[in-house]
Amino acid sequence: MKTLALCRWSLLALIALQLAWFGWLHPPQQIFMAAALILSVGPLVLVLPFAWSLQPKPLVVAGLVLLVYFSVGVMEAWANPTVRAPALVQVGLILVYFTALATLRRRRSPAG
């Protein structure tokens, strides 16, 4: 269960990274900052209470949401050198989440 707590803390760190990235490090130029923060942090905040319980199914659902963030992080790290550092941190946090999630094992039904 301790490794599953990494899922919880990496999700919290990802929320903090999104706030720092879009609110302070590289604020958006074309749209309002509030809209960018809502779009970047909103889905993470919505899945946080479910993932906080450390139950397997909500953790997997949160992982599906994080797949979008993973692809955005890879794309930004590849295409935009000015935001490469936060994008790679984002990818790293998501890899920590999925590594911790990989420790889940299916419960075996009793032999019958």
PDB file of N, CA and C in Angstrom:
ATOM      1  N   MET A   1       0.818  -1.194   0.000  1.00  0.00           N
ATOM      2  CA  MET A   1       0.000   0.000   0.000  1.00  0.00           C
ATOM      3  C   MET A   1       0.865   1.264   0.000  1.00  0.00           C
ATOM      4  N   LYS A   2       2.115   1.144   0.461  1.00  0.00           N
ATOM      5  CA  LYS A   2       2.976   2.323   0.473  1.00  0.00           C
ATOM      6  C   LYS A   2       3.316   2.796  -0.926  1.00  0.00           C
ATOM      7  N   THR A   3       3.481   1.854  -1.852  1.00  0.00           N
ATOM      8  CA  THR A   3       3.793   2.285  -3.213  1.00  0.00           C
ATOM      9  C   THR A   3       2.587   2.940  -3.869  1.00  0.00           C
ATOM     10  N   LEU A   4       1.382   2.540  -3.483  1.00  0.00           N
ATOM     11  CA  LEU A   4       0.197   3.195  -4.026  1.00  0.00           C
ATOM     12  C   LEU A   4       0.079   4.628  -3.528  1.00  0.00           C
ATOM     13  N   ALA A   5       0.657   4.924  -2.377  1.00  0.00           N
ATOM     14  CA  ALA A   5       0.646   6.307  -1.893  1.00  0.00           C
ATOM     15  C   ALA A   5       1.440   7.205  -2.830  1.00  0.00           C
ATOM     16  N   LEU A   6       2.373   6.632  -3.592  1.00  0.00           N
ATOM     17  CA  LEU A   6       3.088   7.420  -4.603  1.00  0.00           C
ATOM     18  C   LEU A   6       2.129   7.953  -5.658  1.00  0.00           C
ATOM     19  N   CYS A   7       1.076   7.195  -5.952  1.00  0.00           N
ATOM     20  CA  CYS A   7       0.063   7.682  -6.895  1.00  0.00           C
ATOM     21  C   CYS A   7      -0.560   8.964  -6.374  1.00  0.00           C
ATOM     22  N   ARG A   8      -0.904   8.942  -5.111  1.00  0.00           N
ATOM     23  CA  ARG A   8      -1.527  10.106  -4.475  1.00  0.00           C
ATOM     24  C   ARG A   8      -0.599  11.314  -4.523  1.00  0.00           C
ATOM     25  N   TRP A   9       0.648  11.134  -4.143  1.00  0.00           N
ATOM     26  CA  TRP A   9       1.565  12.277  -4.052  1.00  0.00           C
ATOM     27  C   TRP A   9       2.028  12.755  -5.421  1.00  0.00           C
ATOM     28  N   SER A  10       2.152  11.853  -6.383  1.00  0.00           N
ATOM     29  CA  SER A  10       2.520  12.307  -7.721  1.00  0.00           C
ATOM     30  C   SER A  10       1.376  13.083  -8.360  1.00  0.00           C
ATOM     31  N   LEU A  11       0.138  12.717  -8.056  1.00  0.00           N
ATOM     32  CA  LEU A  11      -1.013  13.471  -8.558  1.00  0.00           C
ATOM     33  C   LEU A  11      -1.051  14.869  -7.940  1.00  0.00           C
ATOM     34  N   LEU A  12      -0.780  14.962  -6.649  1.00  0.00           N
ATOM     35  CA  LEU A  12      -0.709  16.283  -6.008  1.00  0.00           C
ATOM     36  C   LEU A  12       0.430  17.120  -6.574  1.00  0.00           C
ATOM     37  N   ALA A  13       1.573  16.505  -6.807  1.00  0.00           N
ATOM     38  CA  ALA A  13       2.703  17.237  -7.382  1.00  0.00           C
ATOM     39  C   ALA A  13       2.394  17.686  -8.805  1.00  0.00           C
ATOM     40  N   LEU A  14       1.637  16.890  -9.535  1.00  0.00           N
ATOM     41  CA  LEU A  14       1.254  17.278 -10.896  1.00  0.00           C
ATOM     42  C   LEU A  14       0.313  18.477 -10.878  1.00  0.00           C
ATOM     43  N   ILE A  15      -0.593  18.523  -9.914  1.00  0.00           N
ATOM     44  CA  ILE A  15      -1.469  19.695  -9.782  1.00  0.00           C
ATOM     45  C   ILE A  15      -0.641  20.930  -9.469  1.00  0.00           C
ATOM     46  N   ALA A  16       0.315  20.803  -8.549  1.00  0.00           N
ATOM     47  CA  ALA A  16       1.177  21.946  -8.214  1.00  0.00           C
ATOM     48  C   ALA A  16       2.006  22.371  -9.421  1.00  0.00           C
ATOM     49  N   LEU A  17       2.485  21.415 -10.193  1.00  0.00           N
ATOM     50  CA  LEU A  17       3.256  21.748 -11.391  1.00  0.00           C
ATOM     51  C   LEU A  17       2.406  22.500 -12.405  1.00  0.00           C
ATOM     52  N   GLN A  18       1.171  22.065 -12.608  1.00  0.00           N
ATOM     53  CA  GLN A  18       0.297  22.750 -13.554  1.00  0.00           C
ATOM     54  C   GLN A  18       0.034  24.185 -13.115  1.00  0.00           C
ATOM     55  N   LEU A  19      -0.185  24.376 -11.818  1.00  0.00           N
ATOM     56  CA  LEU A  19      -0.401  25.738 -11.308  1.00  0.00           C
ATOM     57  C   LEU A  19       0.836  26.603 -11.516  1.00  0.00           C
ATOM     58  N   ALA A  20       2.008  26.044 -11.250  1.00  0.00           N
ATOM     59  CA  ALA A  20       3.241  26.812 -11.429  1.00  0.00           C
ATOM     60  C   ALA A  20       3.533  27.060 -12.904  1.00  0.00           C
ATOM     61  N   TRP A  21       3.289  26.060 -13.734  1.00  0.00           N
ATOM     62  CA  TRP A  21       3.604  26.157 -15.153  1.00  0.00           C
ATOM     63  C   TRP A  21       2.739  27.213 -15.836  1.00  0.00           C
ATOM     64  N   PHE A  22       1.430  27.102 -15.679  1.00  0.00           N
ATOM     65  CA  PHE A  22       0.536  28.009 -16.389  1.00  0.00           C
ATOM     66  C   PHE A  22       0.247  29.298 -15.630  1.00  0.00           C
ATOM     67  N   GLY A  23       0.549  29.323 -14.353  1.00  0.00           N
ATOM     68  CA  GLY A  23       0.288  30.530 -13.585  1.00  0.00           C
ATOM     69  C   GLY A  23       1.493  31.423 -13.390  1.00  0.00           C
ATOM     70  N   TRP A  24       2.701  30.835 -13.441  1.00  0.00           N
ATOM     71  CA  TRP A  24       3.876  31.634 -13.095  1.00  0.00           C
ATOM     72  C   TRP A  24       5.017  31.479 -14.102  1.00  0.00           C
ATOM     73  N   LEU A  25       5.406  30.259 -14.431  1.00  0.00           N
ATOM     74  CA  LEU A  25       6.569  30.050 -15.294  1.00  0.00           C
ATOM     75  C   LEU A  25       6.338  30.499 -16.732  1.00  0.00           C
ATOM     76  N   HIS A  26       5.275  30.014 -17.338  1.00  0.00           N
ATOM     77  CA  HIS A  26       4.968  30.332 -18.741  1.00  0.00           C
ATOM     78  C   HIS A  26       3.474  30.586 -18.884  1.00  0.00           C
ATOM     79  N   PRO A  27       3.007  31.750 -18.453  1.00  0.00           N
ATOM     80  CA  PRO A  27       1.570  32.019 -18.589  1.00  0.00           C
ATOM     81  C   PRO A  27       1.166  32.098 -20.055  1.00  0.00           C
ATOM     82  N   PRO A  28      -0.040  31.675 -20.363  1.00  0.00           N
ATOM     83  CA  PRO A  28      -0.484  31.678 -21.765  1.00  0.00           C
ATOM     84  C   PRO A  28      -0.631  33.093 -22.301  1.00  0.00           C
ATOM     85  N   GLN A  29      -0.402  33.250 -23.584  1.00  0.00           N
ATOM     86  CA  GLN A  29      -0.486  34.557 -24.221  1.00  0.00           C
ATOM     87  C   GLN A  29      -1.810  34.759 -24.951  1.00  0.00           C
ATOM     88  N   GLN A  30      -2.400  33.699 -25.501  1.00  0.00           N
ATOM     89  CA  GLN A  30      -3.581  33.843 -26.333  1.00  0.00           C
ATOM     90  C   GLN A  30      -4.885  33.791 -25.554  1.00  0.00           C
ATOM     91  N   ILE A  31      -4.919  33.094 -24.413  1.00  0.00           N
ATOM     92  CA  ILE A  31      -6.157  32.986 -23.641  1.00  0.00           C
ATOM     93  C   ILE A  31      -5.915  33.516 -22.235  1.00  0.00           C
ATOM     94  N   PHE A  32      -6.988  33.736 -21.519  1.00  0.00           N
ATOM     95  CA  PHE A  32      -6.875  34.235 -20.152  1.00  0.00           C
ATOM     96  C   PHE A  32      -6.222  33.186 -19.263  1.00  0.00           C
ATOM     97  N   MET A  33      -5.469  33.645 -18.278  1.00  0.00           N
ATOM     98  CA  MET A  33      -4.765  32.733 -17.385  1.00  0.00           C
ATOM     99  C   MET A  33      -5.750  31.876 -16.593  1.00  0.00           C
ATOM    100  N   ALA A  34      -6.867  32.456 -16.192  1.00  0.00           N
ATOM    101  CA  ALA A  34      -7.852  31.685 -15.433  1.00  0.00           C
ATOM    102  C   ALA A  34      -8.394  30.530 -16.265  1.00  0.00           C
ATOM    103  N   ALA A  35      -8.641  30.774 -17.534  1.00  0.00           N
ATOM    104  CA  ALA A  35      -9.140  29.701 -18.401  1.00  0.00           C
ATOM    105  C   ALA A  35      -8.091  28.603 -18.560  1.00  0.00           C
ATOM    106  N   ALA A  36      -6.840  28.993 -18.717  1.00  0.00           N
ATOM    107  CA  ALA A  36      -5.777  27.992 -18.857  1.00  0.00           C
ATOM    108  C   ALA A  36      -5.628  27.172 -17.578  1.00  0.00           C
ATOM    109  N   LEU A  37      -5.728  27.817 -16.432  1.00  0.00           N
ATOM    110  CA  LEU A  37      -5.617  27.086 -15.168  1.00  0.00           C
ATOM    111  C   LEU A  37      -6.795  26.142 -14.964  1.00  0.00           C
ATOM    112  N   ILE A  38      -7.990  26.585 -15.337  1.00  0.00           N
ATOM    113  CA  ILE A  38      -9.158  25.710 -15.197  1.00  0.00           C
ATOM    114  C   ILE A  38      -9.037  24.501 -16.116  1.00  0.00           C
ATOM    115  N   LEU A  39      -8.582  24.730 -17.348  1.00  0.00           N
ATOM    116  CA  LEU A  39      -8.445  23.621 -18.290  1.00  0.00           C
ATOM    117  C   LEU A  39      -7.321  22.667 -17.924  1.00  0.00           C
ATOM    118  N   SER A  40      -6.256  23.192 -17.314  1.00  0.00           N
ATOM    119  CA  SER A  40      -5.126  22.322 -17.000  1.00  0.00           C
ATOM    120  C   SER A  40      -5.255  21.638 -15.637  1.00  0.00           C
ATOM    121  N   VAL A  41      -5.866  22.301 -14.679  1.00  0.00           N
ATOM    122  CA  VAL A  41      -5.952  21.747 -13.325  1.00  0.00           C
ATOM    123  C   VAL A  41      -7.307  21.090 -13.065  1.00  0.00           C
ATOM    124  N   GLY A  42      -8.341  21.520 -13.769  1.00  0.00           N
ATOM    125  CA  GLY A  42      -9.694  21.024 -13.521  1.00  0.00           C
ATOM    126  C   GLY A  42      -9.841  19.514 -13.536  1.00  0.00           C
ATOM    127  N   PRO A  43      -9.428  18.839 -14.606  1.00  0.00           N
ATOM    128  CA  PRO A  43      -9.577  17.373 -14.623  1.00  0.00           C
ATOM    129  C   PRO A  43      -8.794  16.675 -13.508  1.00  0.00           C
ATOM    130  N   LEU A  44      -7.644  17.219 -13.154  1.00  0.00           N
ATOM    131  CA  LEU A  44      -6.850  16.601 -12.083  1.00  0.00           C
ATOM    132  C   LEU A  44      -7.543  16.747 -10.735  1.00  0.00           C
ATOM    133  N   VAL A  45      -8.148  17.908 -10.508  1.00  0.00           N
ATOM    134  CA  VAL A  45      -8.856  18.132  -9.247  1.00  0.00           C
ATOM    135  C   VAL A  45     -10.110  17.260  -9.182  1.00  0.00           C
ATOM    136  N   LEU A  46     -10.739  17.014 -10.326  1.00  0.00           N
ATOM    137  CA  LEU A  46     -11.933  16.171 -10.331  1.00  0.00           C
ATOM    138  C   LEU A  46     -11.623  14.715  -9.971  1.00  0.00           C
ATOM    139  N   VAL A  47     -10.487  14.196 -10.407  1.00  0.00           N
ATOM    140  CA  VAL A  47     -10.162  12.795 -10.100  1.00  0.00           C
ATOM    141  C   VAL A  47      -9.409  12.643  -8.784  1.00  0.00           C
ATOM    142  N   LEU A  48      -8.942  13.739  -8.203  1.00  0.00           N
ATOM    143  CA  LEU A  48      -8.148  13.655  -6.966  1.00  0.00           C
ATOM    144  C   LEU A  48      -8.905  13.006  -5.806  1.00  0.00           C
ATOM    145  N   PRO A  49     -10.159  13.381  -5.500  1.00  0.00           N
ATOM    146  CA  PRO A  49     -10.822  12.721  -4.363  1.00  0.00           C
ATOM    147  C   PRO A  49     -10.991  11.222  -4.550  1.00  0.00           C
ATOM    148  N   PHE A  50     -11.229  10.804  -5.781  1.00  0.00           N
ATOM    149  CA  PHE A  50     -11.402   9.369  -6.030  1.00  0.00           C
ATOM    150  C   PHE A  50     -10.071   8.635  -5.927  1.00  0.00           C
ATOM    151  N   ALA A  51      -9.015   9.240  -6.436  1.00  0.00           N
ATOM    152  CA  ALA A  51      -7.702   8.602  -6.368  1.00  0.00           C
ATOM    153  C   ALA A  51      -7.129   8.656  -4.956  1.00  0.00           C
ATOM    154  N   TRP A  52      -7.568   9.616  -4.160  1.00  0.00           N
ATOM    155  CA  TRP A  52      -7.041   9.756  -2.799  1.00  0.00           C
ATOM    156  C   TRP A  52      -7.404   8.551  -1.944  1.00  0.00           C
ATOM    157  N   SER A  53      -8.500   7.870  -2.289  1.00  0.00           N
ATOM    158  CA  SER A  53      -8.925   6.713  -1.497  1.00  0.00           C
ATOM    159  C   SER A  53      -8.032   5.497  -1.704  1.00  0.00           C
ATOM    160  N   LEU A  54      -7.180   5.531  -2.719  1.00  0.00           N
ATOM    161  CA  LEU A  54      -6.263   4.436  -3.055  1.00  0.00           C
ATOM    162  C   LEU A  54      -6.977   3.128  -3.363  1.00  0.00           C
ATOM    163  N   GLN A  55      -8.181   3.234  -3.882  1.00  0.00           N
ATOM    164  CA  GLN A  55      -8.889   2.055  -4.370  1.00  0.00           C
ATOM    165  C   GLN A  55      -8.448   1.793  -5.807  1.00  0.00           C
ATOM    166  N   PRO A  56      -8.343   0.550  -6.217  1.00  0.00           N
ATOM    167  CA  PRO A  56      -7.783   0.244  -7.541  1.00  0.00           C
ATOM    168  C   PRO A  56      -8.529   0.863  -8.721  1.00  0.00           C
ATOM    169  N   LYS A  57      -9.851   0.762  -8.751  1.00  0.00           N
ATOM    170  CA  LYS A  57     -10.591   1.255  -9.911  1.00  0.00           C
ATOM    171  C   LYS A  57     -10.467   2.763 -10.088  1.00  0.00           C
ATOM    172  N   PRO A  58     -10.638   3.579  -9.034  1.00  0.00           N
ATOM    173  CA  PRO A  58     -10.434   5.023  -9.231  1.00  0.00           C
ATOM    174  C   PRO A  58      -9.009   5.382  -9.627  1.00  0.00           C
ATOM    175  N   LEU A  59      -8.030   4.629  -9.154  1.00  0.00           N
ATOM    176  CA  LEU A  59      -6.651   4.897  -9.549  1.00  0.00           C
ATOM    177  C   LEU A  59      -6.449   4.636 -11.034  1.00  0.00           C
ATOM    178  N   VAL A  60      -7.102   3.617 -11.557  1.00  0.00           N
ATOM    179  CA  VAL A  60      -6.987   3.325 -12.987  1.00  0.00           C
ATOM    180  C   VAL A  60      -7.697   4.400 -13.810  1.00  0.00           C
ATOM    181  N   VAL A  61      -8.866   4.859 -13.347  1.00  0.00           N
ATOM    182  CA  VAL A  61      -9.569   5.933 -14.048  1.00  0.00           C
ATOM    183  C   VAL A  61      -8.731   7.205 -14.057  1.00  0.00           C
ATOM    184  N   ALA A  62      -8.115   7.530 -12.925  1.00  0.00           N
ATOM    185  CA  ALA A  62      -7.224   8.695 -12.885  1.00  0.00           C
ATOM    186  C   ALA A  62      -6.047   8.493 -13.826  1.00  0.00           C
ATOM    187  N   GLY A  63      -5.568   7.262 -13.942  1.00  0.00           N
ATOM    188  CA  GLY A  63      -4.490   6.975 -14.884  1.00  0.00           C
ATOM    189  C   GLY A  63      -4.898   7.221 -16.325  1.00  0.00           C
ATOM    190  N   LEU A  64      -6.160   6.951 -16.645  1.00  0.00           N
ATOM    191  CA  LEU A  64      -6.640   7.225 -18.000  1.00  0.00           C
ATOM    192  C   LEU A  64      -6.656   8.727 -18.275  1.00  0.00           C
ATOM    193  N   VAL A  65      -7.007   9.513 -17.272  1.00  0.00           N
ATOM    194  CA  VAL A  65      -6.959  10.975 -17.426  1.00  0.00           C
ATOM    195  C   VAL A  65      -5.513  11.427 -17.603  1.00  0.00           C
ATOM    196  N   LEU A  66      -4.607  10.805 -16.868  1.00  0.00           N
ATOM    197  CA  LEU A  66      -3.202  11.202 -16.947  1.00  0.00           C
ATOM    198  C   LEU A  66      -2.556  10.846 -18.281  1.00  0.00           C
ATOM    199  N   LEU A  67      -3.147   9.930 -19.028  1.00  0.00           N
ATOM    200  CA  LEU A  67      -2.610   9.629 -20.359  1.00  0.00           C
ATOM    201  C   LEU A  67      -2.642  10.859 -21.263  1.00  0.00           C
ATOM    202  N   VAL A  68      -3.677  11.685 -21.111  1.00  0.00           N
ATOM    203  CA  VAL A  68      -3.756  12.924 -21.893  1.00  0.00           C
ATOM    204  C   VAL A  68      -2.627  13.860 -21.482  1.00  0.00           C
ATOM    205  N   TYR A  69      -2.392  13.991 -20.184  1.00  0.00           N
ATOM    206  CA  TYR A  69      -1.324  14.858 -19.694  1.00  0.00           C
ATOM    207  C   TYR A  69       0.047  14.331 -20.125  1.00  0.00           C
ATOM    208  N   PHE A  70       0.193  13.016 -20.172  1.00  0.00           N
ATOM    209  CA  PHE A  70       1.447  12.432 -20.617  1.00  0.00           C
ATOM    210  C   PHE A  70       1.726  12.801 -22.071  1.00  0.00           C
ATOM    211  N   SER A  71       0.697  12.669 -22.918  1.00  0.00           N
ATOM    212  CA  SER A  71       0.909  12.982 -24.333  1.00  0.00           C
ATOM    213  C   SER A  71       1.172  14.465 -24.546  1.00  0.00           C
ATOM    214  N   VAL A  72       0.517  15.325 -23.782  1.00  0.00           N
ATOM    215  CA  VAL A  72       0.781  16.766 -23.884  1.00  0.00           C
ATOM    216  C   VAL A  72       2.193  17.083 -23.408  1.00  0.00           C
ATOM    217  N   GLY A  73       2.630  16.440 -22.339  1.00  0.00           N
ATOM    218  CA  GLY A  73       3.981  16.667 -21.838  1.00  0.00           C
ATOM    219  C   GLY A  73       5.051  16.237 -22.830  1.00  0.00           C
ATOM    220  N   VAL A  74       4.847  15.080 -23.461  1.00  0.00           N
ATOM    221  CA  VAL A  74       5.804  14.612 -24.469  1.00  0.00           C
ATOM    222  C   VAL A  74       5.815  15.563 -25.654  1.00  0.00           C
ATOM    223  N   MET A  75       4.640  15.995 -26.087  1.00  0.00           N
ATOM    224  CA  MET A  75       4.548  16.895 -27.231  1.00  0.00           C
ATOM    225  C   MET A  75       5.228  18.234 -26.937  1.00  0.00           C
ATOM    226  N   GLU A  76       4.981  18.795 -25.750  1.00  0.00           N
ATOM    227  CA  GLU A  76       5.597  20.071 -25.395  1.00  0.00           C
ATOM    228  C   GLU A  76       7.109  19.935 -25.242  1.00  0.00           C
ATOM    229  N   ALA A  77       7.567  18.853 -24.661  1.00  0.00           N
ATOM    230  CA  ALA A  77       9.012  18.647 -24.511  1.00  0.00           C
ATOM    231  C   ALA A  77       9.684  18.505 -25.867  1.00  0.00           C
ATOM    232  N   TRP A  78       8.994  17.919 -26.808  1.00  0.00           N
ATOM    233  CA  TRP A  78       9.554  17.703 -28.139  1.00  0.00           C
ATOM    234  C   TRP A  78       9.533  18.979 -28.970  1.00  0.00           C
ATOM    235  N   ALA A  79       8.442  19.736 -28.901  1.00  0.00           N
ATOM    236  CA  ALA A  79       8.217  20.818 -29.851  1.00  0.00           C
ATOM    237  C   ALA A  79       8.582  22.205 -29.345  1.00  0.00           C
ATOM    238  N   ASN A  80       8.576  22.410 -28.045  1.00  0.00           N
ATOM    239  CA  ASN A  80       8.738  23.757 -27.519  1.00  0.00           C
ATOM    240  C   ASN A  80       9.903  23.804 -26.532  1.00  0.00           C
ATOM    241  N   PRO A  81      11.073  24.286 -26.963  1.00  0.00           N
ATOM    242  CA  PRO A  81      12.229  24.270 -26.069  1.00  0.00           C
ATOM    243  C   PRO A  81      12.087  25.177 -24.850  1.00  0.00           C
ATOM    244  N   THR A  82      11.226  26.189 -24.905  1.00  0.00           N
ATOM    245  CA  THR A  82      11.099  27.092 -23.762  1.00  0.00           C
ATOM    246  C   THR A  82      10.391  26.444 -22.577  1.00  0.00           C
ATOM    247  N   VAL A  83       9.581  25.434 -22.825  1.00  0.00           N
ATOM    248  CA  VAL A  83       8.882  24.756 -21.730  1.00  0.00           C
ATOM    249  C   VAL A  83       9.325  23.302 -21.596  1.00  0.00           C
ATOM    250  N   ARG A  84      10.501  22.995 -22.078  1.00  0.00           N
ATOM    251  CA  ARG A  84      10.975  21.612 -22.035  1.00  0.00           C
ATOM    252  C   ARG A  84      11.138  21.105 -20.599  1.00  0.00           C
ATOM    253  N   ALA A  85      11.672  21.925 -19.705  1.00  0.00           N
ATOM    254  CA  ALA A  85      11.903  21.466 -18.330  1.00  0.00           C
ATOM    255  C   ALA A  85      10.604  21.115 -17.609  1.00  0.00           C
ATOM    256  N   PRO A  86       9.594  22.003 -17.564  1.00  0.00           N
ATOM    257  CA  PRO A  86       8.362  21.586 -16.887  1.00  0.00           C
ATOM    258  C   PRO A  86       7.649  20.434 -17.587  1.00  0.00           C
ATOM    259  N   ALA A  87       7.775  20.359 -18.890  1.00  0.00           N
ATOM    260  CA  ALA A  87       7.142  19.250 -19.611  1.00  0.00           C
ATOM    261  C   ALA A  87       7.793  17.923 -19.239  1.00  0.00           C
ATOM    262  N   LEU A  88       9.112  17.905 -19.115  1.00  0.00           N
ATOM    263  CA  LEU A  88       9.789  16.668 -18.722  1.00  0.00           C
ATOM    264  C   LEU A  88       9.499  16.306 -17.267  1.00  0.00           C
ATOM    265  N   VAL A  89       9.348  17.306 -16.408  1.00  0.00           N
ATOM    266  CA  VAL A  89       8.946  17.029 -15.025  1.00  0.00           C
ATOM    267  C   VAL A  89       7.543  16.422 -15.012  1.00  0.00           C
ATOM    268  N   GLN A  90       6.654  16.952 -15.843  1.00  0.00           N
ATOM    269  CA  GLN A  90       5.306  16.409 -15.944  1.00  0.00           C
ATOM    270  C   GLN A  90       5.346  14.955 -16.400  1.00  0.00           C
ATOM    271  N   VAL A  91       6.115  14.663 -17.412  1.00  0.00           N
ATOM    272  CA  VAL A  91       6.239  13.282 -17.898  1.00  0.00           C
ATOM    273  C   VAL A  91       6.811  12.393 -16.791  1.00  0.00           C
ATOM    274  N   GLY A  92       7.800  12.883 -16.065  1.00  0.00           N
ATOM    275  CA  GLY A  92       8.388  12.104 -14.981  1.00  0.00           C
ATOM    276  C   GLY A  92       7.399  11.797 -13.871  1.00  0.00           C
ATOM    277  N   LEU A  93       6.589  12.792 -13.484  1.00  0.00           N
ATOM    278  CA  LEU A  93       5.584  12.562 -12.441  1.00  0.00           C
ATOM    279  C   LEU A  93       4.545  11.537 -12.880  1.00  0.00           C
ATOM    280  N   ILE A  94       4.177  11.592 -14.132  1.00  0.00           N
ATOM    281  CA  ILE A  94       3.190  10.631 -14.632  1.00  0.00           C
ATOM    282  C   ILE A  94       3.807   9.232 -14.704  1.00  0.00           C
ATOM    283  N   LEU A  95       5.075   9.138 -15.050  1.00  0.00           N
ATOM    284  CA  LEU A  95       5.737   7.835 -15.041  1.00  0.00           C
ATOM    285  C   LEU A  95       5.828   7.270 -13.625  1.00  0.00           C
ATOM    286  N   VAL A  96       6.053   8.130 -12.631  1.00  0.00           N
ATOM    287  CA  VAL A  96       6.036   7.681 -11.228  1.00  0.00           C
ATOM    288  C   VAL A  96       4.658   7.143 -10.876  1.00  0.00           C
ATOM    289  N   TYR A  97       3.620   7.849 -11.305  1.00  0.00           N
ATOM    290  CA  TYR A  97       2.245   7.407 -11.038  1.00  0.00           C
ATOM    291  C   TYR A  97       2.007   6.023 -11.641  1.00  0.00           C
ATOM    292  N   PHE A  98       2.368   5.853 -12.912  1.00  0.00           N
ATOM    293  CA  PHE A  98       2.100   4.574 -13.567  1.00  0.00           C
ATOM    294  C   PHE A  98       2.981   3.457 -13.027  1.00  0.00           C
ATOM    295  N   THR A  99       4.178   3.784 -12.592  1.00  0.00           N
ATOM    296  CA  THR A  99       5.027   2.766 -11.979  1.00  0.00           C
ATOM    297  C   THR A  99       4.416   2.291 -10.662  1.00  0.00           C
ATOM    298  N   ALA A 100       3.908   3.224  -9.881  1.00  0.00           N
ATOM    299  CA  ALA A 100       3.243   2.841  -8.634  1.00  0.00           C
ATOM    300  C   ALA A 100       1.950   2.081  -8.917  1.00  0.00           C
ATOM    301  N   LEU A 101       1.247   2.492  -9.961  1.00  0.00           N
ATOM    302  CA  LEU A 101       0.000   1.816 -10.321  1.00  0.00           C
ATOM    303  C   LEU A 101       0.267   0.386 -10.800  1.00  0.00           C
ATOM    304  N   ALA A 102       1.428   0.154 -11.350  1.00  0.00           N
ATOM    305  CA  ALA A 102       1.768  -1.185 -11.841  1.00  0.00           C
ATOM    306  C   ALA A 102       1.945  -2.187 -10.705  1.00  0.00           C
ATOM    307  N   THR A 103       2.033  -1.716  -9.470  1.00  0.00           N
ATOM    308  CA  THR A 103       2.163  -2.637  -8.349  1.00  0.00           C
ATOM    309  C   THR A 103       0.837  -3.283  -7.977  1.00  0.00           C
ATOM    310  N   LEU A 104      -0.263  -2.785  -8.542  1.00  0.00           N
ATOM    311  CA  LEU A 104      -1.561  -3.402  -8.273  1.00  0.00           C
ATOM    312  C   LEU A 104      -1.600  -4.801  -8.865  1.00  0.00           C
ATOM    313  N   ARG A 105      -2.190  -5.674  -8.148  1.00  0.00           N
ATOM    314  CA  ARG A 105      -2.371  -7.036  -8.647  1.00  0.00           C
ATOM    315  C   ARG A 105      -3.845  -7.378  -8.540  1.00  0.00           C
ATOM    316  N   ARG A 106      -4.284  -8.151  -9.508  1.00  0.00           N
ATOM    317  CA  ARG A 106      -5.677  -8.600  -9.453  1.00  0.00           C
ATOM    318  C   ARG A 106      -5.855  -9.613  -8.344  1.00  0.00           C
ATOM    319  N   ARG A 107      -6.962  -9.487  -7.661  1.00  0.00           N
ATOM    320  CA  ARG A 107      -7.270 -10.477  -6.633  1.00  0.00           C
ATOM    321  C   ARG A 107      -7.716 -11.765  -7.306  1.00  0.00           C
ATOM    322  N   ARG A 108      -7.174 -12.844  -6.846  1.00  0.00           N
ATOM    323  CA  ARG A 108      -7.560 -14.132  -7.421  1.00  0.00           C
ATOM    324  C   ARG A 108      -8.800 -14.638  -6.721  1.00  0.00           C
ATOM    325  N   SER A 109      -9.674 -15.179  -7.509  1.00  0.00           N
ATOM    326  CA  SER A 109     -10.880 -15.775  -6.909  1.00  0.00           C
ATOM    327  C   SER A 109     -10.481 -17.105  -6.265  1.00  0.00           C
ATOM    328  N   PRO A 110     -11.216 -17.491  -5.244  1.00  0.00           N
ATOM    329  CA  PRO A 110     -10.882 -18.777  -4.610  1.00  0.00           C
ATOM    330  C   PRO A 110     -11.016 -19.926  -5.606  1.00  0.00           C
ATOM    331  N   ALA A 111     -10.094 -20.857  -5.485  1.00  0.00           N
ATOM    332  CA  ALA A 111     -10.116 -22.012  -6.406  1.00  0.00           C
ATOM    333  C   ALA A 111     -11.408 -22.774  -6.184  1.00  0.00           C
ATOM    334  N   GLY A 112     -12.056 -23.044  -7.276  1.00  0.00           N
ATOM    335  CA  GLY A 112     -13.355 -23.701  -7.114  1.00  0.00           C
ATOM    336  C   GLY A 112     -13.673 -24.687  -8.121  1.00  0.00           C
TER     337      GLY A 112
END
